[in-house]
Amino acid sequence: MDFLRPASWEEALAAKAEHPTAVPLAGGTDVMVEINFDHRRPEYLMDLNRIGELTEWEVGSESVRLGASVPYTAIMENLRAELPGLALASHTVASPQIRNRGGVGGNLGTASPAGDAHPALLAAGAEVETASVRGTRMIPIDEFYTGVKRNALAPDELIRAVHIKKADGPQQYSKVGTRNAMVIAVCAFGLALHPETRTVRTGIGSAAPTPVRAKEAEEFLNAALDEGGFWESGKIITPSVAKQFAELASGACNPIDDVRGTAKYRRHAVGIMARRTLGWTWEQYRGTARTLEGAA
């Protein structure tokens, strides 16, 4: 196994073009586990830790540009207001040591359906910025996951950053694990309200071959909120609407039985998380609406 250590982004892209099979290494929280257990033996490892721009973020007027190696701890401490769903997901990642090293770029590169960041990125409507010596392109998050631990990256591409719209409404994240820390998700669910467009987006983790959205559940809820005048009135969502949303979210799953949980349990748990996160986010929205109304 050869070790590549580029000193700049340009050197990294050139090295990736010359050695397309090179595995990028930043936090290494996924890659090193596979190597240590001899599940993976890449010909080349590419250390990206000398490339400072990958650990930087920029808050714009509408979105956040998050470098691929920004650690989860930095997201929790600095971007809670702009990216609340991702900040909540970051809290559930492993241990403090791993949160200090791991970043969203690693989750995306590994593309495991159980990656903690994926549901929040799907719910927020993120875009992945990738680059190669041929140029840069933006991949919508809905098109990024192509199979079990497979993504839309070309062999010579690296993930440079993730562009995530700043929250315009409440966001929530929920995860089921076999214990409270240092655990891979049995299943996870992310939900984001987008009052500006009066839409809802979801993200499901570890309950299908890839991270997925519950699109039928979203469409149902978008129609129910619009037809019932919920956005304008801020009234409590009826139990029947919440129940139907949860059932449709559960139906979006295509899980397996494994050592962490059964397919039946995963479907059930996703439905519960969908109903609960909807209740939490909508209560936040109602509280904000009441505050704005009182100020007016």
C-alpha atoms as a PDB file:
ATOM      1  CA  MET A   1       0.000   0.000   0.000  1.00  0.00           C
ATOM      2  CA  ASP A   2       1.489   3.333  -1.097  1.00  0.00           C
ATOM      3  CA  PHE A   3       0.808   6.584   0.767  1.00  0.00           C
ATOM      4  CA  LEU A   4       0.174   9.823  -1.135  1.00  0.00           C
ATOM      5  CA  ARG A   5       0.335  13.129   0.754  1.00  0.00           C
ATOM      6  CA  PRO A   6      -0.495  16.118  -1.477  1.00  0.00           C
ATOM      7  CA  ALA A   7       0.269  19.577  -0.076  1.00  0.00           C
ATOM      8  CA  SER A   8      -2.403  21.430  -2.077  1.00  0.00           C
ATOM      9  CA  TRP A   9      -5.771  20.842  -3.676  1.00  0.00           C
ATOM     10  CA  GLU A  10      -4.201  20.982  -7.126  1.00  0.00           C
ATOM     11  CA  GLU A  11      -1.687  18.294  -6.132  1.00  0.00           C
ATOM     12  CA  ALA A  12      -4.518  16.162  -4.760  1.00  0.00           C
ATOM     13  CA  LEU A  13      -6.481  16.348  -8.022  1.00  0.00           C
ATOM     14  CA  ALA A  14      -3.364  15.538 -10.053  1.00  0.00           C
ATOM     15  CA  ALA A  15      -2.624  12.539  -7.811  1.00  0.00           C
ATOM     16  CA  LYS A  16      -6.213  11.303  -8.084  1.00  0.00           C
ATOM     17  CA  ALA A  17      -6.050  11.616 -11.874  1.00  0.00           C
ATOM     18  CA  GLU A  18      -2.818   9.611 -11.950  1.00  0.00           C
ATOM     19  CA  HIS A  19      -4.067   7.044  -9.413  1.00  0.00           C
ATOM     20  CA  PRO A  20      -7.870   6.762  -9.762  1.00  0.00           C
ATOM     21  CA  THR A  21      -8.026   3.884  -7.263  1.00  0.00           C
ATOM     22  CA  ALA A  22      -6.457   5.999  -4.498  1.00  0.00           C
ATOM     23  CA  VAL A  23      -8.696   6.145  -1.411  1.00  0.00           C
ATOM     24  CA  PRO A  24      -8.945   9.637   0.146  1.00  0.00           C
ATOM     25  CA  LEU A  25      -8.160   9.825   3.842  1.00  0.00           C
ATOM     26  CA  ALA A  26      -9.139  12.800   6.019  1.00  0.00           C
ATOM     27  CA  GLY A  27     -10.731  11.767   9.301  1.00  0.00           C
ATOM     28  CA  GLY A  28     -10.221   8.120   8.433  1.00  0.00           C
ATOM     29  CA  THR A  29     -12.983   7.017  10.794  1.00  0.00           C
ATOM     30  CA  ASP A  30     -14.489   4.636   8.206  1.00  0.00           C
ATOM     31  CA  VAL A  31     -11.479   3.758   6.052  1.00  0.00           C
ATOM     32  CA  MET A  32      -9.134   2.802   8.883  1.00  0.00           C
ATOM     33  CA  VAL A  33     -11.694   0.457  10.432  1.00  0.00           C
ATOM     34  CA  GLU A  34     -11.981  -1.425   7.144  1.00  0.00           C
ATOM     35  CA  ILE A  35      -8.203  -1.577   6.751  1.00  0.00           C
ATOM     36  CA  ASN A  36      -7.619  -2.677  10.347  1.00  0.00           C
ATOM     37  CA  PHE A  37     -10.093  -5.551   9.941  1.00  0.00           C
ATOM     38  CA  ASP A  38      -8.570  -6.395   6.560  1.00  0.00           C
ATOM     39  CA  HIS A  39     -11.883  -5.790   4.810  1.00  0.00           C
ATOM     40  CA  ARG A  40     -10.172  -3.443   2.413  1.00  0.00           C
ATOM     41  CA  ARG A  41      -6.621  -3.197   1.092  1.00  0.00           C
ATOM     42  CA  PRO A  42      -6.358  -0.242  -1.322  1.00  0.00           C
ATOM     43  CA  GLU A  43      -3.315   0.128  -3.535  1.00  0.00           C
ATOM     44  CA  TYR A  44      -3.008   3.809  -2.605  1.00  0.00           C
ATOM     45  CA  LEU A  45      -4.117   5.922   0.353  1.00  0.00           C
ATOM     46  CA  MET A  46      -4.288   9.683  -0.175  1.00  0.00           C
ATOM     47  CA  ASP A  47      -3.909  11.809   2.971  1.00  0.00           C
ATOM     48  CA  LEU A  48      -5.810  15.111   2.567  1.00  0.00           C
ATOM     49  CA  ASN A  49      -5.001  16.556   5.985  1.00  0.00           C
ATOM     50  CA  ARG A  50      -2.497  19.104   4.679  1.00  0.00           C
ATOM     51  CA  ILE A  51      -5.181  20.777   2.535  1.00  0.00           C
ATOM     52  CA  GLY A  52      -6.496  23.471   4.856  1.00  0.00           C
ATOM     53  CA  GLU A  53      -9.353  24.677   2.654  1.00  0.00           C
ATOM     54  CA  LEU A  54     -11.191  21.397   3.204  1.00  0.00           C
ATOM     55  CA  THR A  55     -11.657  22.266   6.889  1.00  0.00           C
ATOM     56  CA  GLU A  56     -13.125  25.723   6.185  1.00  0.00           C
ATOM     57  CA  TRP A  57     -16.749  26.816   5.841  1.00  0.00           C
ATOM     58  CA  GLU A  58     -18.428  29.927   4.513  1.00  0.00           C
ATOM     59  CA  VAL A  59     -21.852  31.227   5.497  1.00  0.00           C
ATOM     60  CA  GLY A  60     -23.487  33.039   2.587  1.00  0.00           C
ATOM     61  CA  SER A  61     -26.768  34.891   2.322  1.00  0.00           C
ATOM     62  CA  GLU A  62     -28.700  31.762   1.313  1.00  0.00           C
ATOM     63  CA  SER A  63     -26.465  28.759   1.926  1.00  0.00           C
ATOM     64  CA  VAL A  64     -23.457  27.371   3.757  1.00  0.00           C
ATOM     65  CA  ARG A  65     -20.460  26.054   1.853  1.00  0.00           C
ATOM     66  CA  LEU A  66     -19.094  23.329   4.102  1.00  0.00           C
ATOM     67  CA  GLY A  67     -15.603  22.014   3.368  1.00  0.00           C
ATOM     68  CA  ALA A  68     -15.478  18.238   3.022  1.00  0.00           C
ATOM     69  CA  SER A  69     -13.279  17.821   6.105  1.00  0.00           C
ATOM     70  CA  VAL A  70     -15.028  20.233   8.490  1.00  0.00           C
ATOM     71  CA  PRO A  71     -15.340  18.087  11.637  1.00  0.00           C
ATOM     72  CA  TYR A  72     -18.702  17.337  13.179  1.00  0.00           C
ATOM     73  CA  THR A  73     -17.662  19.164  16.341  1.00  0.00           C
ATOM     74  CA  ALA A  74     -17.252  22.400  14.358  1.00  0.00           C
ATOM     75  CA  ILE A  75     -20.721  21.983  12.844  1.00  0.00           C
ATOM     76  CA  MET A  76     -22.216  21.499  16.311  1.00  0.00           C
ATOM     77  CA  GLU A  77     -20.413  24.509  17.770  1.00  0.00           C
ATOM     78  CA  ASN A  78     -20.620  26.996  14.896  1.00  0.00           C
ATOM     79  CA  LEU A  79     -23.483  26.147  12.528  1.00  0.00           C
ATOM     80  CA  ARG A  80     -26.340  25.142  14.789  1.00  0.00           C
ATOM     81  CA  ALA A  81     -28.519  28.088  13.697  1.00  0.00           C
ATOM     82  CA  GLU A  82     -27.839  27.736   9.967  1.00  0.00           C
ATOM     83  CA  LEU A  83     -27.855  23.923   9.771  1.00  0.00           C
ATOM     84  CA  PRO A  84     -29.900  22.665  12.751  1.00  0.00           C
ATOM     85  CA  GLY A  85     -30.691  19.255  11.278  1.00  0.00           C
ATOM     86  CA  LEU A  86     -27.066  18.505  10.465  1.00  0.00           C
ATOM     87  CA  ALA A  87     -25.964  19.803  13.875  1.00  0.00           C
ATOM     88  CA  LEU A  88     -28.391  17.403  15.574  1.00  0.00           C
ATOM     89  CA  ALA A  89     -27.134  14.546  13.422  1.00  0.00           C
ATOM     90  CA  SER A  90     -23.549  15.471  14.292  1.00  0.00           C
ATOM     91  CA  HIS A  91     -24.342  15.028  17.978  1.00  0.00           C
ATOM     92  CA  THR A  92     -25.160  11.359  17.356  1.00  0.00           C
ATOM     93  CA  VAL A  93     -21.871  10.535  15.627  1.00  0.00           C
ATOM     94  CA  ALA A  94     -19.838   8.047  17.653  1.00  0.00           C
ATOM     95  CA  SER A  95     -17.603   9.596  20.348  1.00  0.00           C
ATOM     96  CA  PRO A  96     -16.087  13.063  20.927  1.00  0.00           C
ATOM     97  CA  GLN A  97     -12.794  11.842  19.482  1.00  0.00           C
ATOM     98  CA  ILE A  98     -14.437  10.740  16.246  1.00  0.00           C
ATOM     99  CA  ARG A  99     -16.575  13.881  16.046  1.00  0.00           C
ATOM    100  CA  ASN A 100     -13.319  15.870  16.253  1.00  0.00           C
ATOM    101  CA  ARG A 101     -11.906  14.001  13.234  1.00  0.00           C
ATOM    102  CA  GLY A 102     -14.781  12.862  11.047  1.00  0.00           C
ATOM    103  CA  GLY A 103     -16.603  15.072   8.567  1.00  0.00           C
ATOM    104  CA  VAL A 104     -19.474  15.068   6.106  1.00  0.00           C
ATOM    105  CA  GLY A 105     -17.156  14.446   3.149  1.00  0.00           C
ATOM    106  CA  GLY A 106     -16.197  11.090   4.633  1.00  0.00           C
ATOM    107  CA  ASN A 107     -19.837  10.095   5.082  1.00  0.00           C
ATOM    108  CA  LEU A 108     -20.531  11.005   1.464  1.00  0.00           C
ATOM    109  CA  GLY A 109     -17.438   9.264   0.134  1.00  0.00           C
ATOM    110  CA  THR A 110     -18.236   6.043   1.996  1.00  0.00           C
ATOM    111  CA  ALA A 111     -21.924   6.360   1.028  1.00  0.00           C
ATOM    112  CA  SER A 112     -23.011   3.858   3.659  1.00  0.00           C
ATOM    113  CA  PRO A 113     -26.814   3.845   4.043  1.00  0.00           C
ATOM    114  CA  ALA A 114     -26.184   4.140   7.819  1.00  0.00           C
ATOM    115  CA  GLY A 115     -24.118   7.339   7.578  1.00  0.00           C
ATOM    116  CA  ASP A 116     -25.427   9.793  10.173  1.00  0.00           C
ATOM    117  CA  ALA A 117     -25.230  12.907   7.972  1.00  0.00           C
ATOM    118  CA  HIS A 118     -27.241  11.587   5.029  1.00  0.00           C
ATOM    119  CA  PRO A 119     -30.838  12.056   6.306  1.00  0.00           C
ATOM    120  CA  ALA A 120     -30.108  15.661   7.302  1.00  0.00           C
ATOM    121  CA  LEU A 121     -28.475  16.428   3.940  1.00  0.00           C
ATOM    122  CA  LEU A 122     -31.434  14.940   2.061  1.00  0.00           C
ATOM    123  CA  ALA A 123     -33.957  16.863   4.152  1.00  0.00           C
ATOM    124  CA  ALA A 124     -32.067  20.133   3.672  1.00  0.00           C
ATOM    125  CA  GLY A 125     -31.665  19.680  -0.082  1.00  0.00           C
ATOM    126  CA  ALA A 126     -27.861  19.801  -0.242  1.00  0.00           C
ATOM    127  CA  GLU A 127     -25.546  19.773  -3.254  1.00  0.00           C
ATOM    128  CA  VAL A 128     -22.160  18.060  -3.367  1.00  0.00           C
ATOM    129  CA  GLU A 129     -19.286  19.996  -4.945  1.00  0.00           C
ATOM    130  CA  THR A 130     -16.844  17.622  -6.629  1.00  0.00           C
ATOM    131  CA  ALA A 131     -13.701  18.332  -8.609  1.00  0.00           C
ATOM    132  CA  SER A 132     -11.104  16.705 -10.844  1.00  0.00           C
ATOM    133  CA  VAL A 133      -8.410  17.975 -13.196  1.00  0.00           C
ATOM    134  CA  ARG A 134     -11.253  18.197 -15.740  1.00  0.00           C
ATOM    135  CA  GLY A 135     -13.163  20.782 -13.712  1.00  0.00           C
ATOM    136  CA  THR A 136     -15.811  21.189 -11.005  1.00  0.00           C
ATOM    137  CA  ARG A 137     -19.417  20.036 -10.904  1.00  0.00           C
ATOM    138  CA  MET A 138     -22.343  20.179  -8.488  1.00  0.00           C
ATOM    139  CA  ILE A 139     -24.290  16.986  -7.774  1.00  0.00           C
ATOM    140  CA  PRO A 140     -27.755  17.309  -6.166  1.00  0.00           C
ATOM    141  CA  ILE A 141     -27.914  15.136  -3.065  1.00  0.00           C
ATOM    142  CA  ASP A 142     -30.867  13.196  -4.521  1.00  0.00           C
ATOM    143  CA  GLU A 143     -28.608  12.022  -7.356  1.00  0.00           C
ATOM    144  CA  PHE A 144     -25.494  11.335  -5.300  1.00  0.00           C
ATOM    145  CA  TYR A 145     -26.290   7.892  -3.847  1.00  0.00           C
ATOM    146  CA  THR A 146     -26.255   5.234  -6.562  1.00  0.00           C
ATOM    147  CA  GLY A 147     -26.185   1.942  -4.607  1.00  0.00           C
ATOM    148  CA  VAL A 148     -24.985   0.224  -1.464  1.00  0.00           C
ATOM    149  CA  LYS A 149     -21.811   2.147  -0.556  1.00  0.00           C
ATOM    150  CA  ARG A 150     -21.695   3.592  -4.067  1.00  0.00           C
ATOM    151  CA  ASN A 151     -21.937   7.206  -5.163  1.00  0.00           C
ATOM    152  CA  ALA A 152     -21.909   9.343  -8.282  1.00  0.00           C
ATOM    153  CA  LEU A 153     -18.219  10.270  -8.095  1.00  0.00           C
ATOM    154  CA  ALA A 154     -16.105   9.596 -11.191  1.00  0.00           C
ATOM    155  CA  PRO A 155     -12.879   7.648 -10.528  1.00  0.00           C
ATOM    156  CA  ASP A 156     -10.750  10.800 -10.800  1.00  0.00           C
ATOM    157  CA  GLU A 157     -13.006  13.034  -8.654  1.00  0.00           C
ATOM    158  CA  LEU A 158     -12.730  14.189  -5.048  1.00  0.00           C
ATOM    159  CA  ILE A 159     -15.376  15.773  -2.829  1.00  0.00           C
ATOM    160  CA  ARG A 160     -14.440  19.386  -2.175  1.00  0.00           C
ATOM    161  CA  ALA A 161     -17.431  20.758  -0.265  1.00  0.00           C
ATOM    162  CA  VAL A 162     -21.141  20.461   0.426  1.00  0.00           C
ATOM    163  CA  HIS A 163     -23.515  23.358  -0.243  1.00  0.00           C
ATOM    164  CA  ILE A 164     -26.484  23.365   2.132  1.00  0.00           C
ATOM    165  CA  LYS A 165     -29.321  25.878   2.155  1.00  0.00           C
ATOM    166  CA  LYS A 166     -29.593  27.779   5.412  1.00  0.00           C
ATOM    167  CA  ALA A 167     -32.602  26.642   7.412  1.00  0.00           C
ATOM    168  CA  ASP A 168     -35.687  28.780   6.802  1.00  0.00           C
ATOM    169  CA  GLY A 169     -37.714  26.703   9.252  1.00  0.00           C
ATOM    170  CA  PRO A 170     -37.373  24.054  11.972  1.00  0.00           C
ATOM    171  CA  GLN A 171     -35.402  20.872  11.333  1.00  0.00           C
ATOM    172  CA  GLN A 172     -35.162  17.671  13.344  1.00  0.00           C
ATOM    173  CA  TYR A 173     -33.168  14.454  13.356  1.00  0.00           C
ATOM    174  CA  SER A 174     -33.823  11.189  15.141  1.00  0.00           C
ATOM    175  CA  LYS A 175     -31.750   8.011  15.317  1.00  0.00           C
ATOM    176  CA  VAL A 176     -32.341   4.534  16.727  1.00  0.00           C
ATOM    177  CA  GLY A 177     -29.314   2.607  17.933  1.00  0.00           C
ATOM    178  CA  THR A 178     -28.602  -0.405  20.076  1.00  0.00           C
ATOM    179  CA  ARG A 179     -27.087   1.899  22.714  1.00  0.00           C
ATOM    180  CA  ASN A 180     -26.690   5.644  23.307  1.00  0.00           C
ATOM    181  CA  ALA A 181     -23.178   6.198  21.932  1.00  0.00           C
ATOM    182  CA  MET A 182     -20.553   4.679  19.622  1.00  0.00           C
ATOM    183  CA  VAL A 183     -23.217   2.938  17.599  1.00  0.00           C
ATOM    184  CA  ILE A 184     -24.169   2.518  13.943  1.00  0.00           C
ATOM    185  CA  ALA A 185     -27.763   3.549  13.279  1.00  0.00           C
ATOM    186  CA  VAL A 186     -30.381   0.826  13.205  1.00  0.00           C
ATOM    187  CA  CYS A 187     -32.355   3.491  11.344  1.00  0.00           C
ATOM    188  CA  ALA A 188     -32.522   7.289  11.274  1.00  0.00           C
ATOM    189  CA  PHE A 189     -34.899   9.986  10.094  1.00  0.00           C
ATOM    190  CA  GLY A 190     -34.441  13.653   9.207  1.00  0.00           C
ATOM    191  CA  LEU A 191     -37.179  16.222   8.631  1.00  0.00           C
ATOM    192  CA  ALA A 192     -36.990  19.849   7.490  1.00  0.00           C
ATOM    193  CA  LEU A 193     -39.817  22.357   7.177  1.00  0.00           C
ATOM    194  CA  HIS A 194     -39.321  24.944   4.435  1.00  0.00           C
ATOM    195  CA  PRO A 195     -41.888  27.678   5.123  1.00  0.00           C
ATOM    196  CA  GLU A 196     -40.589  29.906   2.308  1.00  0.00           C
ATOM    197  CA  THR A 197     -41.682  27.337  -0.288  1.00  0.00           C
ATOM    198  CA  ARG A 198     -44.287  25.738   1.999  1.00  0.00           C
ATOM    199  CA  THR A 199     -42.774  22.321   1.526  1.00  0.00           C
ATOM    200  CA  VAL A 200     -41.440  19.525   3.704  1.00  0.00           C
ATOM    201  CA  ARG A 201     -38.424  17.325   2.946  1.00  0.00           C
ATOM    202  CA  THR A 202     -37.346  14.101   4.600  1.00  0.00           C
ATOM    203  CA  GLY A 203     -34.336  11.806   4.780  1.00  0.00           C
ATOM    204  CA  ILE A 204     -34.150   8.160   5.863  1.00  0.00           C
ATOM    205  CA  GLY A 205     -30.980   6.337   6.839  1.00  0.00           C
ATOM    206  CA  SER A 206     -30.163   2.658   7.327  1.00  0.00           C
ATOM    207  CA  ALA A 207     -33.550   1.441   6.105  1.00  0.00           C
ATOM    208  CA  ALA A 208     -32.882   0.964   2.385  1.00  0.00           C
ATOM    209  CA  PRO A 209     -29.896   0.119   0.145  1.00  0.00           C
ATOM    210  CA  THR A 210     -29.135   3.851  -0.020  1.00  0.00           C
ATOM    211  CA  PRO A 211     -30.187   6.887   2.002  1.00  0.00           C
ATOM    212  CA  VAL A 212     -33.607   7.863   0.629  1.00  0.00           C
ATOM    213  CA  ARG A 213     -36.368  10.440   0.905  1.00  0.00           C
ATOM    214  CA  ALA A 214     -39.941   9.497   1.751  1.00  0.00           C
ATOM    215  CA  LYS A 215     -41.293  11.276  -1.318  1.00  0.00           C
ATOM    216  CA  GLU A 216     -44.882  10.007  -1.133  1.00  0.00           C
ATOM    217  CA  ALA A 217     -45.025  11.060   2.511  1.00  0.00           C
ATOM    218  CA  GLU A 218     -43.702  14.496   1.558  1.00  0.00           C
ATOM    219  CA  GLU A 219     -46.228  14.910  -1.237  1.00  0.00           C
ATOM    220  CA  PHE A 220     -49.092  13.869   1.024  1.00  0.00           C
ATOM    221  CA  LEU A 221     -48.035  16.228   3.811  1.00  0.00           C
ATOM    222  CA  ASN A 222     -47.385  19.137   1.445  1.00  0.00           C
ATOM    223  CA  ALA A 223     -50.904  18.774   0.050  1.00  0.00           C
ATOM    224  CA  ALA A 224     -52.498  18.316   3.491  1.00  0.00           C
ATOM    225  CA  LEU A 225     -50.776  21.379   4.956  1.00  0.00           C
ATOM    226  CA  ASP A 226     -51.692  23.491   1.946  1.00  0.00           C
ATOM    227  CA  GLU A 227     -55.315  22.375   1.624  1.00  0.00           C
ATOM    228  CA  GLY A 228     -55.906  22.622   5.363  1.00  0.00           C
ATOM    229  CA  GLY A 229     -54.413  26.104   5.595  1.00  0.00           C
ATOM    230  CA  PHE A 230     -51.967  24.948   8.247  1.00  0.00           C
ATOM    231  CA  TRP A 231     -49.104  27.191   7.130  1.00  0.00           C
ATOM    232  CA  GLU A 232     -51.236  30.307   7.498  1.00  0.00           C
ATOM    233  CA  SER A 233     -53.084  29.360  10.656  1.00  0.00           C
ATOM    234  CA  GLY A 234     -50.294  27.562  12.493  1.00  0.00           C
ATOM    235  CA  LYS A 235     -52.916  25.237  13.946  1.00  0.00           C
ATOM    236  CA  ILE A 236     -52.010  21.826  15.335  1.00  0.00           C
ATOM    237  CA  ILE A 237     -51.652  19.081  12.733  1.00  0.00           C
ATOM    238  CA  THR A 238     -54.488  16.601  13.113  1.00  0.00           C
ATOM    239  CA  PRO A 239     -53.675  13.067  14.320  1.00  0.00           C
ATOM    240  CA  SER A 240     -55.018  11.553  11.102  1.00  0.00           C
ATOM    241  CA  VAL A 241     -52.590  13.601   8.989  1.00  0.00           C
ATOM    242  CA  ALA A 242     -49.656  12.719  11.251  1.00  0.00           C
ATOM    243  CA  LYS A 243     -50.608   9.028  11.170  1.00  0.00           C
ATOM    244  CA  GLN A 244     -50.854   8.925   7.382  1.00  0.00           C
ATOM    245  CA  PHE A 245     -47.522  10.742   7.039  1.00  0.00           C
ATOM    246  CA  ALA A 246     -45.884   8.197   9.363  1.00  0.00           C
ATOM    247  CA  GLU A 247     -47.334   5.237   7.449  1.00  0.00           C
ATOM    248  CA  LEU A 248     -46.141   6.615   4.116  1.00  0.00           C
ATOM    249  CA  ALA A 249     -42.680   7.289   5.551  1.00  0.00           C
ATOM    250  CA  SER A 250     -42.541   3.714   6.792  1.00  0.00           C
ATOM    251  CA  GLY A 251     -43.584   2.522   3.348  1.00  0.00           C
ATOM    252  CA  ALA A 252     -40.637   4.323   1.754  1.00  0.00           C
ATOM    253  CA  CYS A 253     -38.256   1.915   3.485  1.00  0.00           C
ATOM    254  CA  ASN A 254     -36.730  -1.141   1.860  1.00  0.00           C
ATOM    255  CA  PRO A 255     -34.720  -2.541   4.784  1.00  0.00           C
ATOM    256  CA  ILE A 256     -32.970  -5.807   5.531  1.00  0.00           C
ATOM    257  CA  ASP A 257     -32.657  -8.062   8.552  1.00  0.00           C
ATOM    258  CA  ASP A 258     -29.183  -7.883  10.093  1.00  0.00           C
ATOM    259  CA  VAL A 259     -27.443  -8.100  13.461  1.00  0.00           C
ATOM    260  CA  ARG A 260     -28.642  -4.608  14.424  1.00  0.00           C
ATOM    261  CA  GLY A 261     -32.340  -5.047  13.710  1.00  0.00           C
ATOM    262  CA  THR A 262     -35.025  -6.677  11.613  1.00  0.00           C
ATOM    263  CA  ALA A 263     -36.631  -5.178   8.536  1.00  0.00           C
ATOM    264  CA  LYS A 264     -39.993  -5.153  10.318  1.00  0.00           C
ATOM    265  CA  TYR A 265     -38.570  -3.243  13.253  1.00  0.00           C
ATOM    266  CA  ARG A 266     -36.874  -0.707  10.995  1.00  0.00           C
ATOM    267  CA  ARG A 267     -40.109   0.056   9.147  1.00  0.00           C
ATOM    268  CA  HIS A 268     -41.948   0.446  12.446  1.00  0.00           C
ATOM    269  CA  ALA A 269     -39.244   2.666  13.958  1.00  0.00           C
ATOM    270  CA  VAL A 270     -39.092   4.935  10.901  1.00  0.00           C
ATOM    271  CA  GLY A 271     -42.841   5.494  11.152  1.00  0.00           C
ATOM    272  CA  ILE A 272     -42.524   6.399  14.831  1.00  0.00           C
ATOM    273  CA  MET A 273     -39.630   8.785  14.151  1.00  0.00           C
ATOM    274  CA  ALA A 274     -41.528  10.400  11.272  1.00  0.00           C
ATOM    275  CA  ARG A 275     -44.538  11.110  13.459  1.00  0.00           C
ATOM    276  CA  ARG A 276     -42.422  12.415  16.344  1.00  0.00           C
ATOM    277  CA  THR A 277     -40.141  14.643  14.269  1.00  0.00           C
ATOM    278  CA  LEU A 278     -43.194  16.076  12.501  1.00  0.00           C
ATOM    279  CA  GLY A 279     -44.702  16.915  15.887  1.00  0.00           C
ATOM    280  CA  TRP A 280     -41.473  18.512  17.144  1.00  0.00           C
ATOM    281  CA  THR A 281     -40.820  20.586  14.031  1.00  0.00           C
ATOM    282  CA  TRP A 282     -44.420  21.728  13.693  1.00  0.00           C
ATOM    283  CA  GLU A 283     -44.550  22.821  17.330  1.00  0.00           C
ATOM    284  CA  GLN A 284     -41.391  24.855  16.721  1.00  0.00           C
ATOM    285  CA  TYR A 285     -42.969  26.392  13.636  1.00  0.00           C
ATOM    286  CA  ARG A 286     -46.143  27.251  15.528  1.00  0.00           C
ATOM    287  CA  GLY A 287     -44.093  28.862  18.297  1.00  0.00           C
ATOM    288  CA  THR A 288     -42.177  30.977  15.780  1.00  0.00           C
ATOM    289  CA  ALA A 289     -45.393  31.980  14.015  1.00  0.00           C
ATOM    290  CA  ARG A 290     -46.974  33.058  17.331  1.00  0.00           C
ATOM    291  CA  THR A 291     -43.883  35.081  18.216  1.00  0.00           C
ATOM    292  CA  LEU A 292     -43.892  36.886  14.859  1.00  0.00           C
ATOM    293  CA  GLU A 293     -47.625  37.526  15.144  1.00  0.00           C
ATOM    294  CA  GLY A 294     -47.192  38.993  18.625  1.00  0.00           C
ATOM    295  CA  ALA A 295     -44.327  41.225  17.465  1.00  0.00           C
ATOM    296  CA  ALA A 296     -46.490  42.536  14.627  1.00  0.00           C
END
